[in-house]
Amino acid sequence: MLVNGTWQENWHPVQAKDEEGRFIRQLSSFRHWITPDGSPGITGKGGYKAEKDRYHLYVAYICPWASRTLMVRQLKGLTNLISMTVVNPRLSDNGWQFGGFPGANDDDLNGAQYLHELYSQADPTYTGRATVPILWDKKTRTIVSNESADILRMLNNAFEAFGQQGPNLYPADLADDIDALNEVIYNNLNNGVYQAGFASTQQAYEEAYDKVFLTLDELEARLSDGRAYLFGERLTETDVRLFVTLVRFDAAYHGLFKCNRYTLIAMPYLHAFMQRIYAINGIAETVNIEHIKAGYYSIKALNPSGIVPVGPAII
């Protein structure tokens, strides 16, 4: 991690843990907003106005938090407005790095070798982990946001003046329901699989495991009435948040993270939901199973041999 802008130690997957061995995720540090006129957003400072080719995403295909920003970039037709760089999926002793893997990019924008260099550039006194996604401002050469939940909301409505397309992923009439279900899915499933995988005690692991499958069972029942998406026939950001975990489930979470009650295909409605989202135009481009497997199975604390499984062969 970085301490006062200087890299201090080798990368380790467990960001923090409590006295019972529960995995604790680091909070995001950059929480500024892009708005149509550059006025302040919900958090942070103003001055980040929606403009064509001003902003850039740094992402990892392995990372579900980064992948959901890529999904919204596709769904809202922003690929020609917001450029992107994909990091190497294999985690190095210096954290995320650029290039050196098929489908990974060099950092042509800033010339960095490691992602943490961008954090030090944005804040020379930054202390914390260097995470993806990063929403970068090319004009001021700094980080706008590293909080994927905020980035989803920005990409949903900040660029309407530029012919933004696609569904409104956070409609006002569903906002309260979306916020409530987002919280359940995040705590019990999105982050729950990590709490299972990175638990350092049996108790912490079993608590997380139970939350994961309780929530999957509830979502399976919710979709069993034939609805296309979690709130009926309208695609929302909650569907995006769920998809990124489901699409990684069999490839990483079932085996490596020990969430192994059964694979996703045993949950027919969730499996069909995942395939339905995957079939939406542009979404398949945001999923790279080879990056996902290479990245997760490069975590030495969980897979010291470094062997990457051959399967699953299909989504």
Protein backbone atom coordinates (compact mmCIF):
# COMPACT_ATOMS: atom_id res chain seq x y z
CA MET A 1 0.00 0.00 0.00
CA LEU A 2 0.94 3.68 -0.14
CA VAL A 3 1.95 5.68 2.93
CA ASN A 4 2.27 9.41 2.36
CA GLY A 5 2.47 8.79 -1.36
CA THR A 6 5.26 6.18 -1.18
CA TRP A 7 4.86 2.46 -1.84
CA GLN A 8 5.64 0.60 1.37
CA GLU A 9 4.96 -3.10 1.16
CA ASN A 10 4.07 -6.02 -1.04
CA TRP A 11 0.45 -6.35 -2.10
CA HIS A 12 -1.76 -8.44 0.17
CA PRO A 13 -5.42 -9.28 -0.48
CA VAL A 14 -6.65 -8.82 3.10
CA GLN A 15 -7.11 -5.06 3.40
CA ALA A 16 -8.04 -5.25 7.08
CA LYS A 17 -9.75 -7.64 9.48
CA ASP A 18 -11.59 -7.44 12.76
CA GLU A 19 -10.94 -9.40 15.95
CA GLU A 20 -13.08 -12.31 14.71
CA GLY A 21 -11.13 -12.62 11.45
CA ARG A 22 -13.71 -10.90 9.23
CA PHE A 23 -12.45 -9.25 6.06
CA ILE A 24 -12.87 -5.44 6.12
CA ARG A 25 -12.89 -3.53 2.82
CA GLN A 26 -11.14 -0.16 2.53
CA LEU A 27 -13.39 2.83 1.89
CA SER A 28 -12.86 4.86 -1.27
CA SER A 29 -10.90 8.09 -0.86
CA PHE A 30 -11.66 10.10 -4.01
CA ARG A 31 -15.35 11.03 -4.12
CA HIS A 32 -15.66 13.95 -6.55
CA TRP A 33 -18.41 14.07 -9.19
CA ILE A 34 -18.76 14.86 -12.86
CA THR A 35 -21.89 16.96 -13.38
CA PRO A 36 -23.42 18.47 -16.53
CA ASP A 37 -22.31 22.01 -15.58
CA GLY A 38 -19.32 21.27 -13.35
CA SER A 39 -21.14 22.14 -10.14
CA PRO A 40 -20.41 20.15 -6.96
CA GLY A 41 -21.91 16.71 -6.70
CA ILE A 42 -23.15 14.84 -3.65
CA THR A 43 -19.61 14.62 -2.26
CA GLY A 44 -16.28 16.26 -3.05
CA LYS A 45 -15.53 19.43 -4.93
CA GLY A 46 -16.99 20.93 -8.09
CA GLY A 47 -15.23 21.74 -11.32
CA TYR A 48 -15.61 18.41 -13.11
CA LYS A 49 -17.83 19.27 -16.04
CA ALA A 50 -19.10 16.62 -18.44
CA GLU A 51 -17.05 17.01 -21.62
CA LYS A 52 -16.22 14.76 -24.53
CA ASP A 53 -12.85 12.97 -24.30
CA ARG A 54 -11.96 14.62 -21.00
CA TYR A 55 -12.30 11.54 -18.79
CA HIS A 56 -10.62 8.15 -18.73
CA LEU A 57 -11.32 4.89 -16.89
CA TYR A 58 -8.58 2.69 -15.46
CA VAL A 59 -10.07 -0.77 -14.95
CA ALA A 60 -9.33 -4.46 -14.44
CA TYR A 61 -11.47 -7.13 -16.06
CA ILE A 62 -10.88 -9.29 -12.99
CA CYS A 63 -12.48 -6.72 -10.68
CA PRO A 64 -16.28 -6.68 -10.33
CA TRP A 65 -16.27 -3.08 -9.07
CA ALA A 66 -14.38 -1.93 -12.17
CA SER A 67 -16.42 -4.12 -14.50
CA ARG A 68 -19.69 -2.55 -13.47
CA THR A 69 -18.39 0.85 -14.59
CA LEU A 70 -17.47 -0.71 -17.94
CA MET A 71 -20.96 -2.14 -18.25
CA VAL A 72 -22.60 1.26 -17.72
CA ARG A 73 -20.13 2.85 -20.14
CA GLN A 74 -21.41 0.38 -22.74
CA LEU A 75 -25.09 0.57 -21.82
CA LYS A 76 -25.11 4.37 -21.97
CA GLY A 77 -23.23 4.63 -25.27
CA LEU A 78 -20.20 6.39 -23.77
CA THR A 79 -17.39 4.41 -25.39
CA ASN A 80 -16.55 7.30 -27.72
CA LEU A 81 -16.70 9.87 -24.90
CA ILE A 82 -14.72 8.12 -22.17
CA SER A 83 -11.52 6.23 -23.00
CA MET A 84 -10.13 3.38 -20.92
CA THR A 85 -7.02 1.42 -19.95
CA VAL A 86 -7.10 -2.21 -18.78
CA VAL A 87 -4.48 -3.28 -16.23
CA ASN A 88 -2.69 -6.62 -16.06
CA PRO A 89 -4.99 -9.07 -14.23
CA ARG A 90 -2.16 -10.74 -12.30
CA LEU A 91 -1.51 -8.99 -9.02
CA SER A 92 2.15 -8.07 -8.56
CA ASP A 93 4.08 -7.25 -5.39
CA ASN A 94 3.52 -3.62 -6.38
CA GLY A 95 -0.23 -4.01 -6.89
CA TRP A 96 -1.89 -3.47 -10.25
CA GLN A 97 0.54 -3.06 -13.14
CA PHE A 98 0.22 -2.10 -16.79
CA GLY A 99 0.87 -4.28 -19.85
CA GLY A 100 2.48 -7.70 -19.94
CA PHE A 101 -0.66 -9.79 -20.47
CA PRO A 102 -2.90 -10.37 -23.51
CA GLY A 103 -5.67 -7.79 -23.47
CA ALA A 104 -3.90 -5.57 -20.92
CA ASN A 105 -2.75 -2.09 -21.92
CA ASP A 106 0.29 0.05 -21.26
CA ASP A 107 -0.49 3.36 -19.61
CA ASP A 108 -0.18 5.55 -22.69
CA LEU A 109 -2.00 8.39 -20.95
CA ASN A 110 0.33 8.94 -17.97
CA GLY A 111 3.25 6.59 -18.61
CA ALA A 112 2.92 4.81 -15.28
CA GLN A 113 4.24 1.31 -14.69
CA TYR A 114 2.01 0.63 -11.67
CA LEU A 115 -1.42 1.95 -10.78
CA HIS A 116 -0.23 3.27 -7.42
CA GLU A 117 1.81 5.89 -9.30
CA LEU A 118 -1.45 7.54 -10.36
CA TYR A 119 -2.58 7.79 -6.75
CA SER A 120 0.70 9.44 -5.80
CA GLN A 121 0.35 11.82 -8.75
CA ALA A 122 -3.19 12.77 -7.69
CA ASP A 123 -2.24 13.15 -4.02
CA PRO A 124 1.47 13.07 -3.06
CA THR A 125 0.44 12.43 0.56
CA TYR A 126 -2.05 9.64 -0.18
CA THR A 127 -2.15 6.77 2.31
CA GLY A 128 -4.10 3.66 1.41
CA ARG A 129 -4.48 0.99 -1.24
CA ALA A 130 -4.37 1.71 -4.97
CA THR A 131 -7.59 0.24 -6.31
CA VAL A 132 -9.57 0.10 -9.54
CA PRO A 133 -11.66 1.58 -10.99
CA ILE A 134 -10.21 5.05 -11.34
CA LEU A 135 -12.13 7.78 -13.13
CA TRP A 136 -9.35 10.10 -14.29
CA ASP A 137 -9.54 13.73 -15.46
CA LYS A 138 -7.18 14.33 -18.38
CA LYS A 139 -7.50 18.11 -18.05
CA THR A 140 -6.40 18.48 -14.43
CA ARG A 141 -4.46 15.17 -14.42
CA THR A 142 -5.99 13.84 -11.26
CA ILE A 143 -8.46 11.27 -9.93
CA VAL A 144 -12.08 12.32 -9.96
CA SER A 145 -13.34 9.18 -8.23
CA ASN A 146 -12.31 5.69 -7.24
CA GLU A 147 -15.76 4.76 -5.92
CA SER A 148 -17.53 2.57 -8.46
CA ALA A 149 -21.00 3.20 -7.01
CA ASP A 150 -20.58 6.94 -7.61
CA ILE A 151 -19.14 6.38 -11.07
CA LEU A 152 -22.23 4.37 -12.05
CA ARG A 153 -24.47 7.30 -11.16
CA MET A 154 -22.27 9.80 -13.01
CA LEU A 155 -22.19 7.74 -16.17
CA ASN A 156 -25.94 7.25 -15.96
CA ASN A 157 -26.91 10.90 -16.29
CA ALA A 158 -24.01 13.37 -16.47
CA PHE A 159 -23.46 13.13 -20.23
CA GLU A 160 -27.00 13.60 -21.53
CA ALA A 161 -25.93 16.67 -23.53
CA PHE A 162 -23.72 14.44 -25.67
CA GLY A 163 -26.46 12.16 -26.92
CA GLN A 164 -26.22 9.70 -24.05
CA GLN A 165 -28.14 6.53 -24.86
CA GLY A 166 -29.55 3.52 -23.10
CA PRO A 167 -31.89 2.99 -20.17
CA ASN A 168 -32.10 5.17 -17.10
CA LEU A 169 -30.45 2.83 -14.61
CA TYR A 170 -31.56 4.84 -11.57
CA PRO A 171 -35.14 6.03 -12.25
CA ALA A 172 -36.64 8.27 -9.58
CA ASP A 173 -39.68 6.07 -8.97
CA LEU A 174 -37.46 3.10 -8.12
CA ALA A 175 -34.65 4.98 -6.34
CA ASP A 176 -35.57 3.95 -2.79
CA ASP A 177 -36.10 0.31 -3.79
CA ILE A 178 -32.83 0.28 -5.74
CA ASP A 179 -30.91 1.71 -2.79
CA ALA A 180 -32.40 -0.86 -0.42
CA LEU A 181 -31.70 -3.89 -2.62
CA ASN A 182 -28.23 -2.56 -3.54
CA GLU A 183 -27.32 -2.58 0.14
CA VAL A 184 -28.42 -6.19 0.60
CA ILE A 185 -26.63 -7.39 -2.52
CA TYR A 186 -23.45 -5.49 -1.69
CA ASN A 187 -23.19 -6.57 1.95
CA ASN A 188 -24.24 -10.18 1.53
CA LEU A 189 -23.12 -11.09 -1.99
CA ASN A 190 -20.80 -8.65 -3.80
CA ASN A 191 -18.64 -8.23 -0.73
CA GLY A 192 -19.89 -11.41 0.93
CA VAL A 193 -17.93 -13.68 -1.42
CA TYR A 194 -14.76 -11.75 -0.52
CA GLN A 195 -15.56 -12.06 3.17
CA ALA A 196 -15.81 -15.82 2.67
CA GLY A 197 -12.66 -16.06 0.56
CA PHE A 198 -10.49 -13.87 2.76
CA ALA A 199 -11.85 -14.94 6.15
CA SER A 200 -9.10 -15.86 8.59
CA THR A 201 -11.28 -17.84 11.01
CA GLN A 202 -13.82 -20.63 10.53
CA GLN A 203 -16.51 -18.54 12.21
CA ALA A 204 -15.98 -15.58 9.88
CA TYR A 205 -15.99 -17.85 6.83
CA GLU A 206 -19.21 -19.63 7.79
CA GLU A 207 -20.96 -16.33 8.55
CA ALA A 208 -20.06 -15.01 5.11
CA TYR A 209 -20.91 -18.29 3.37
CA ASP A 210 -24.37 -18.32 4.94
CA LYS A 211 -25.01 -14.71 3.86
CA VAL A 212 -23.95 -15.47 0.29
CA PHE A 213 -26.30 -18.39 -0.17
CA LEU A 214 -29.18 -16.90 1.79
CA THR A 215 -29.10 -13.95 -0.59
CA LEU A 216 -28.71 -16.11 -3.69
CA ASP A 217 -31.74 -18.14 -2.58
CA GLU A 218 -33.78 -14.97 -2.06
CA LEU A 219 -32.80 -13.60 -5.48
CA GLU A 220 -33.55 -16.95 -7.13
CA ALA A 221 -37.04 -16.83 -5.63
CA ARG A 222 -37.48 -13.22 -6.72
CA LEU A 223 -36.72 -14.08 -10.34
CA SER A 224 -38.84 -17.25 -10.33
CA ASP A 225 -41.99 -15.34 -11.32
CA GLY A 226 -40.60 -14.89 -14.83
CA ARG A 227 -39.52 -11.26 -14.58
CA ALA A 228 -36.59 -10.29 -16.80
CA TYR A 229 -34.79 -8.15 -14.24
CA LEU A 230 -34.81 -7.60 -10.50
CA PHE A 231 -37.43 -4.84 -10.69
CA GLY A 232 -39.51 -6.30 -13.49
CA GLU A 233 -38.94 -5.43 -17.12
CA ARG A 234 -36.68 -2.41 -16.53
CA LEU A 235 -32.91 -2.84 -16.37
CA THR A 236 -31.40 -0.93 -13.43
CA GLU A 237 -28.02 -0.50 -11.81
CA THR A 238 -28.99 -3.22 -9.32
CA ASP A 239 -28.99 -5.75 -12.16
CA VAL A 240 -25.51 -4.57 -13.12
CA ARG A 241 -24.33 -4.96 -9.52
CA LEU A 242 -25.69 -8.50 -9.34
CA PHE A 243 -24.39 -9.59 -12.74
CA VAL A 244 -20.73 -8.83 -12.01
CA THR A 245 -20.74 -11.27 -9.10
CA LEU A 246 -22.74 -13.97 -10.87
CA VAL A 247 -20.50 -13.98 -13.94
CA ARG A 248 -17.45 -14.62 -11.72
CA PHE A 249 -19.13 -17.14 -9.45
CA ASP A 250 -18.20 -20.44 -11.08
CA ALA A 251 -14.81 -19.26 -12.32
CA ALA A 252 -13.54 -17.90 -9.00
CA TYR A 253 -15.88 -17.74 -6.03
CA HIS A 254 -17.12 -21.34 -6.07
CA GLY A 255 -13.65 -22.86 -5.80
CA LEU A 256 -11.07 -20.30 -4.74
CA PHE A 257 -13.36 -18.45 -2.31
CA LYS A 258 -14.96 -21.67 -1.01
CA CYS A 259 -18.53 -20.59 -1.85
CA ASN A 260 -19.19 -24.13 -2.92
CA ARG A 261 -22.70 -25.17 -1.95
CA TYR A 262 -23.32 -25.43 -5.68
CA THR A 263 -22.40 -23.77 -8.95
CA LEU A 264 -24.55 -21.12 -10.57
CA ILE A 265 -26.17 -23.53 -13.04
CA ALA A 266 -27.94 -25.15 -10.07
CA MET A 267 -29.86 -21.86 -9.68
CA PRO A 268 -31.77 -21.83 -12.99
CA TYR A 269 -33.40 -18.41 -12.67
CA LEU A 270 -30.18 -16.66 -11.65
CA HIS A 271 -28.28 -18.54 -14.34
CA ALA A 272 -30.80 -17.45 -16.97
CA PHE A 273 -30.65 -13.88 -15.60
CA MET A 274 -26.86 -13.85 -15.97
CA GLN A 275 -27.09 -15.10 -19.56
CA ARG A 276 -29.81 -12.53 -20.33
CA ILE A 277 -27.59 -9.66 -19.16
CA TYR A 278 -24.56 -11.11 -20.95
CA ALA A 279 -26.54 -11.15 -24.22
CA ILE A 280 -27.24 -7.39 -24.07
CA ASN A 281 -25.32 -5.61 -26.82
CA GLY A 282 -21.84 -4.62 -25.62
CA ILE A 283 -21.89 -6.47 -22.29
CA ALA A 284 -19.83 -9.45 -23.46
CA GLU A 285 -17.02 -6.99 -24.24
CA THR A 286 -16.81 -6.16 -20.53
CA VAL A 287 -16.29 -9.80 -19.49
CA ASN A 288 -12.95 -11.55 -19.94
CA ILE A 289 -12.91 -14.95 -18.27
CA GLU A 290 -9.20 -15.46 -18.93
CA HIS A 291 -8.41 -12.22 -17.10
CA ILE A 292 -10.79 -13.19 -14.29
CA LYS A 293 -9.17 -16.59 -13.76
CA ALA A 294 -5.61 -15.33 -14.17
CA GLY A 295 -6.26 -12.53 -11.70
CA TYR A 296 -7.99 -14.37 -8.92
CA TYR A 297 -5.70 -17.40 -9.10
CA SER A 298 -2.63 -15.13 -8.92
CA ILE A 299 -3.52 -14.30 -5.30
CA LYS A 300 -0.65 -16.06 -3.52
CA ALA A 301 -2.37 -16.13 -0.15
CA LEU A 302 -5.17 -18.25 -1.62
CA ASN A 303 -3.34 -20.11 -4.40
CA PRO A 304 0.38 -20.37 -3.64
CA SER A 305 1.01 -22.79 -6.55
CA GLY A 306 -0.28 -20.26 -9.08
CA ILE A 307 -2.09 -22.96 -11.07
CA VAL A 308 -5.01 -21.54 -13.05
CA PRO A 309 -7.98 -23.87 -13.66
CA VAL A 310 -8.82 -24.80 -17.23
CA GLY A 311 -12.58 -24.42 -16.80
CA PRO A 312 -15.24 -23.25 -16.87
CA ALA A 313 -15.30 -23.32 -20.65
CA ILE A 314 -18.39 -21.11 -21.08
CA ILE A 315 -20.24 -18.39 -19.20
